[in-house]
Amino acid sequence: MSIEQPRQQISPKKQKLGALKQFVLFNMVGLLNTLVDFIVYSILVWAGLYVLPAQVISYSAGMANSYALNSLITFKGASKKEGAVKAGSGRAVRFILLNAAVLGVSMLLLYELTETAGLGPLTAKLLATVVTVVLNFAGSKWWVFKES
């Protein structure tokens, strides 16, 4: 027989501050991931690879680091509240699905910005990144690393 402890109520102000702190941490981790992504992307495009396969490779290069650092730093409270097996497998699947969707959005944006709007590949990458950071944070916070 287990006795469940009641959850503490957190004020809306503290919830907003907590979400803001997570968003800042998420973006700090994201800067490192984005740096890796941009470096790999730039090298691949410079070497003559088309923007879409370059995006797949470069985006993938930052995913493992993102998962590890966001699990350990940004959303560590979610890790403590879930069981170890559930946290490891379910979260990993959600992470992969979210990142596949965000990668798809980024590829669509890159295609439209380079082929339709005529922007250069690095400018298009920067604009696409602005959009996908917000999508990735929202998906990470409320789906991948959600507290159960």
C-alpha atoms as a PDB file:
ATOM      1  CA  MET A   1       0.000   0.000   0.000  1.00  0.00           C
ATOM      2  CA  SER A   2       1.412   3.370  -0.896  1.00  0.00           C
ATOM      3  CA  ILE A   3       0.568   6.724   0.478  1.00  0.00           C
ATOM      4  CA  GLU A   4       0.658   9.455  -2.102  1.00  0.00           C
ATOM      5  CA  GLN A   5       1.845  12.844  -1.023  1.00  0.00           C
ATOM      6  CA  PRO A   6      -0.343  15.763  -2.066  1.00  0.00           C
ATOM      7  CA  ARG A   7       1.185  18.014  -4.686  1.00  0.00           C
ATOM      8  CA  GLN A   8       2.164  21.450  -3.506  1.00  0.00           C
ATOM      9  CA  GLN A   9       0.331  24.312  -5.130  1.00  0.00           C
ATOM     10  CA  ILE A  10       2.627  26.663  -6.988  1.00  0.00           C
ATOM     11  CA  SER A  11       1.547  30.247  -7.471  1.00  0.00           C
ATOM     12  CA  PRO A  12       0.970  31.417 -11.046  1.00  0.00           C
ATOM     13  CA  LYS A  13       3.782  33.966 -10.608  1.00  0.00           C
ATOM     14  CA  LYS A  14       6.269  31.217  -9.630  1.00  0.00           C
ATOM     15  CA  GLN A  15       5.073  29.081 -12.537  1.00  0.00           C
ATOM     16  CA  LYS A  16       5.742  31.940 -14.956  1.00  0.00           C
ATOM     17  CA  LEU A  17       9.187  32.571 -13.446  1.00  0.00           C
ATOM     18  CA  GLY A  18       9.957  28.841 -13.629  1.00  0.00           C
ATOM     19  CA  ALA A  19       8.921  28.731 -17.282  1.00  0.00           C
ATOM     20  CA  LEU A  20      11.025  31.819 -17.991  1.00  0.00           C
ATOM     21  CA  LYS A  21      14.042  30.226 -16.274  1.00  0.00           C
ATOM     22  CA  GLN A  22      13.532  27.056 -18.319  1.00  0.00           C
ATOM     23  CA  PHE A  23      13.245  29.083 -21.510  1.00  0.00           C
ATOM     24  CA  VAL A  24      16.529  30.880 -20.728  1.00  0.00           C
ATOM     25  CA  LEU A  25      18.296  27.586 -19.892  1.00  0.00           C
ATOM     26  CA  PHE A  26      16.797  25.951 -22.982  1.00  0.00           C
ATOM     27  CA  ASN A  27      18.176  28.757 -25.132  1.00  0.00           C
ATOM     28  CA  MET A  28      21.618  28.593 -23.489  1.00  0.00           C
ATOM     29  CA  VAL A  29      21.779  24.879 -24.275  1.00  0.00           C
ATOM     30  CA  GLY A  30      20.337  25.694 -27.674  1.00  0.00           C
ATOM     31  CA  LEU A  31      23.133  28.159 -28.400  1.00  0.00           C
ATOM     32  CA  LEU A  32      25.640  25.354 -28.143  1.00  0.00           C
ATOM     33  CA  ASN A  33      23.492  23.063 -30.278  1.00  0.00           C
ATOM     34  CA  THR A  34      22.894  25.842 -32.792  1.00  0.00           C
ATOM     35  CA  LEU A  35      26.604  26.577 -32.986  1.00  0.00           C
ATOM     36  CA  VAL A  36      27.301  22.947 -33.871  1.00  0.00           C
ATOM     37  CA  ASP A  37      24.375  22.967 -36.313  1.00  0.00           C
ATOM     38  CA  PHE A  38      25.549  26.159 -38.065  1.00  0.00           C
ATOM     39  CA  ILE A  39      29.171  25.050 -38.282  1.00  0.00           C
ATOM     40  CA  VAL A  40      28.294  21.673 -39.778  1.00  0.00           C
ATOM     41  CA  TYR A  41      25.688  23.248 -42.102  1.00  0.00           C
ATOM     42  CA  SER A  42      28.131  25.935 -43.278  1.00  0.00           C
ATOM     43  CA  ILE A  43      30.861  23.401 -43.986  1.00  0.00           C
ATOM     44  CA  LEU A  44      28.490  21.129 -45.896  1.00  0.00           C
ATOM     45  CA  VAL A  45      26.995  23.980 -47.972  1.00  0.00           C
ATOM     46  CA  TRP A  46      30.490  25.366 -48.621  1.00  0.00           C
ATOM     47  CA  ALA A  47      31.524  21.887 -49.795  1.00  0.00           C
ATOM     48  CA  GLY A  48      28.672  21.949 -52.308  1.00  0.00           C
ATOM     49  CA  LEU A  49      25.942  19.932 -50.577  1.00  0.00           C
ATOM     50  CA  TYR A  50      22.385  21.143 -51.240  1.00  0.00           C
ATOM     51  CA  VAL A  51      20.692  22.914 -48.305  1.00  0.00           C
ATOM     52  CA  LEU A  52      18.159  20.185 -47.455  1.00  0.00           C
ATOM     53  CA  PRO A  53      20.537  17.236 -46.931  1.00  0.00           C
ATOM     54  CA  ALA A  54      22.955  19.645 -45.229  1.00  0.00           C
ATOM     55  CA  GLN A  55      20.135  20.609 -42.865  1.00  0.00           C
ATOM     56  CA  VAL A  56      19.336  16.989 -42.010  1.00  0.00           C
ATOM     57  CA  ILE A  57      22.954  16.226 -41.193  1.00  0.00           C
ATOM     58  CA  SER A  58      23.657  19.440 -39.291  1.00  0.00           C
ATOM     59  CA  TYR A  59      20.407  19.341 -37.315  1.00  0.00           C
ATOM     60  CA  SER A  60      21.079  15.750 -36.338  1.00  0.00           C
ATOM     61  CA  ALA A  61      24.531  16.716 -35.098  1.00  0.00           C
ATOM     62  CA  GLY A  62      23.005  18.845 -32.334  1.00  0.00           C
ATOM     63  CA  MET A  63      20.193  16.482 -31.312  1.00  0.00           C
ATOM     64  CA  ALA A  64      22.109  14.122 -29.016  1.00  0.00           C
ATOM     65  CA  ASN A  65      23.742  17.006 -27.197  1.00  0.00           C
ATOM     66  CA  SER A  66      20.395  18.747 -26.885  1.00  0.00           C
ATOM     67  CA  TYR A  67      18.727  15.704 -25.387  1.00  0.00           C
ATOM     68  CA  ALA A  68      21.500  15.097 -22.865  1.00  0.00           C
ATOM     69  CA  LEU A  69      21.860  18.702 -21.712  1.00  0.00           C
ATOM     70  CA  ASN A  70      18.142  19.445 -21.589  1.00  0.00           C
ATOM     71  CA  SER A  71      17.556  16.244 -19.609  1.00  0.00           C
ATOM     72  CA  LEU A  72      20.316  17.094 -17.138  1.00  0.00           C
ATOM     73  CA  ILE A  73      19.920  20.867 -16.864  1.00  0.00           C
ATOM     74  CA  THR A  74      16.810  22.475 -18.305  1.00  0.00           C
ATOM     75  CA  PHE A  75      14.086  19.968 -17.465  1.00  0.00           C
ATOM     76  CA  LYS A  76      15.776  18.051 -14.640  1.00  0.00           C
ATOM     77  CA  GLY A  77      12.659  18.242 -12.447  1.00  0.00           C
ATOM     78  CA  ALA A  78      10.788  16.086 -14.939  1.00  0.00           C
ATOM     79  CA  SER A  79      13.534  13.461 -14.712  1.00  0.00           C
ATOM     80  CA  LYS A  80      13.203  13.182 -10.949  1.00  0.00           C
ATOM     81  CA  LYS A  81       9.430  12.786 -11.032  1.00  0.00           C
ATOM     82  CA  GLU A  82       9.257  10.049 -13.670  1.00  0.00           C
ATOM     83  CA  GLY A  83      10.468   6.493 -13.254  1.00  0.00           C
ATOM     84  CA  ALA A  84      13.907   5.810 -14.694  1.00  0.00           C
ATOM     85  CA  VAL A  85      12.662   3.430 -17.411  1.00  0.00           C
ATOM     86  CA  LYS A  86       9.721   5.620 -18.399  1.00  0.00           C
ATOM     87  CA  ALA A  87      11.932   8.711 -18.418  1.00  0.00           C
ATOM     88  CA  GLY A  88      14.532   7.008 -20.589  1.00  0.00           C
ATOM     89  CA  SER A  89      12.352   5.355 -23.202  1.00  0.00           C
ATOM     90  CA  GLY A  90       9.206   7.443 -23.452  1.00  0.00           C
ATOM     91  CA  ARG A  91      11.039  10.737 -23.322  1.00  0.00           C
ATOM     92  CA  ALA A  92      13.558   9.591 -25.941  1.00  0.00           C
ATOM     93  CA  VAL A  93      10.762   8.607 -28.337  1.00  0.00           C
ATOM     94  CA  ARG A  94       8.949  11.925 -27.770  1.00  0.00           C
ATOM     95  CA  PHE A  95      12.244  13.784 -28.266  1.00  0.00           C
ATOM     96  CA  ILE A  96      12.897  12.056 -31.584  1.00  0.00           C
ATOM     97  CA  LEU A  97       9.328  12.655 -32.793  1.00  0.00           C
ATOM     98  CA  LEU A  98       9.404  16.336 -31.810  1.00  0.00           C
ATOM     99  CA  ASN A  99      12.765  16.885 -33.459  1.00  0.00           C
ATOM    100  CA  ALA A 100      11.653  15.084 -36.615  1.00  0.00           C
ATOM    101  CA  ALA A 101       8.655  17.437 -36.813  1.00  0.00           C
ATOM    102  CA  VAL A 102      10.787  20.518 -36.123  1.00  0.00           C
ATOM    103  CA  LEU A 103      13.323  19.324 -38.703  1.00  0.00           C
ATOM    104  CA  GLY A 104      10.484  19.036 -41.219  1.00  0.00           C
ATOM    105  CA  VAL A 105       9.341  22.587 -40.471  1.00  0.00           C
ATOM    106  CA  SER A 106      12.914  23.870 -40.768  1.00  0.00           C
ATOM    107  CA  MET A 107      13.411  22.106 -44.100  1.00  0.00           C
ATOM    108  CA  LEU A 108      10.160  23.533 -45.461  1.00  0.00           C
ATOM    109  CA  LEU A 109      11.186  27.011 -44.313  1.00  0.00           C
ATOM    110  CA  LEU A 110      14.683  26.609 -45.785  1.00  0.00           C
ATOM    111  CA  TYR A 111      13.265  25.503 -49.109  1.00  0.00           C
ATOM    112  CA  GLU A 112      10.755  28.351 -49.257  1.00  0.00           C
ATOM    113  CA  LEU A 113      13.251  30.976 -48.131  1.00  0.00           C
ATOM    114  CA  THR A 114      16.009  29.890 -50.523  1.00  0.00           C
ATOM    115  CA  GLU A 115      14.035  28.742 -53.569  1.00  0.00           C
ATOM    116  CA  THR A 116      10.953  30.974 -53.439  1.00  0.00           C
ATOM    117  CA  ALA A 117      12.163  34.073 -51.585  1.00  0.00           C
ATOM    118  CA  GLY A 118      15.681  33.899 -53.041  1.00  0.00           C
ATOM    119  CA  LEU A 119      17.530  34.353 -49.748  1.00  0.00           C
ATOM    120  CA  GLY A 120      21.028  33.026 -49.236  1.00  0.00           C
ATOM    121  CA  PRO A 121      21.394  29.719 -47.403  1.00  0.00           C
ATOM    122  CA  LEU A 122      22.806  31.234 -44.191  1.00  0.00           C
ATOM    123  CA  THR A 123      20.181  33.995 -43.971  1.00  0.00           C
ATOM    124  CA  ALA A 124      17.460  31.409 -44.586  1.00  0.00           C
ATOM    125  CA  LYS A 125      18.959  29.172 -41.894  1.00  0.00           C
ATOM    126  CA  LEU A 126      18.951  32.039 -39.389  1.00  0.00           C
ATOM    127  CA  LEU A 127      15.294  32.898 -40.059  1.00  0.00           C
ATOM    128  CA  ALA A 128      14.222  29.257 -39.924  1.00  0.00           C
ATOM    129  CA  THR A 129      16.078  28.841 -36.627  1.00  0.00           C
ATOM    130  CA  VAL A 130      14.154  31.722 -35.033  1.00  0.00           C
ATOM    131  CA  VAL A 131      10.872  29.938 -35.771  1.00  0.00           C
ATOM    132  CA  THR A 132      12.020  26.455 -34.812  1.00  0.00           C
ATOM    133  CA  VAL A 133      13.503  27.493 -31.439  1.00  0.00           C
ATOM    134  CA  VAL A 134      10.053  28.526 -30.240  1.00  0.00           C
ATOM    135  CA  LEU A 135       8.447  25.332 -31.557  1.00  0.00           C
ATOM    136  CA  ASN A 136      11.161  23.164 -30.030  1.00  0.00           C
ATOM    137  CA  PHE A 137      10.913  24.832 -26.615  1.00  0.00           C
ATOM    138  CA  ALA A 138       7.129  24.503 -26.476  1.00  0.00           C
ATOM    139  CA  GLY A 139       7.248  20.857 -27.531  1.00  0.00           C
ATOM    140  CA  SER A 140      10.076  20.084 -25.109  1.00  0.00           C
ATOM    141  CA  LYS A 141       8.446  21.767 -22.141  1.00  0.00           C
ATOM    142  CA  TRP A 142       4.896  20.538 -22.563  1.00  0.00           C
ATOM    143  CA  TRP A 143       5.409  17.177 -24.228  1.00  0.00           C
ATOM    144  CA  VAL A 144       8.929  15.702 -24.223  1.00  0.00           C
ATOM    145  CA  PHE A 145      10.052  16.675 -20.713  1.00  0.00           C
ATOM    146  CA  LYS A 146       6.625  17.265 -19.170  1.00  0.00           C
ATOM    147  CA  GLU A 147       6.278  16.570 -15.497  1.00  0.00           C
ATOM    148  CA  SER A 148       3.964  13.665 -14.893  1.00  0.00           C
END
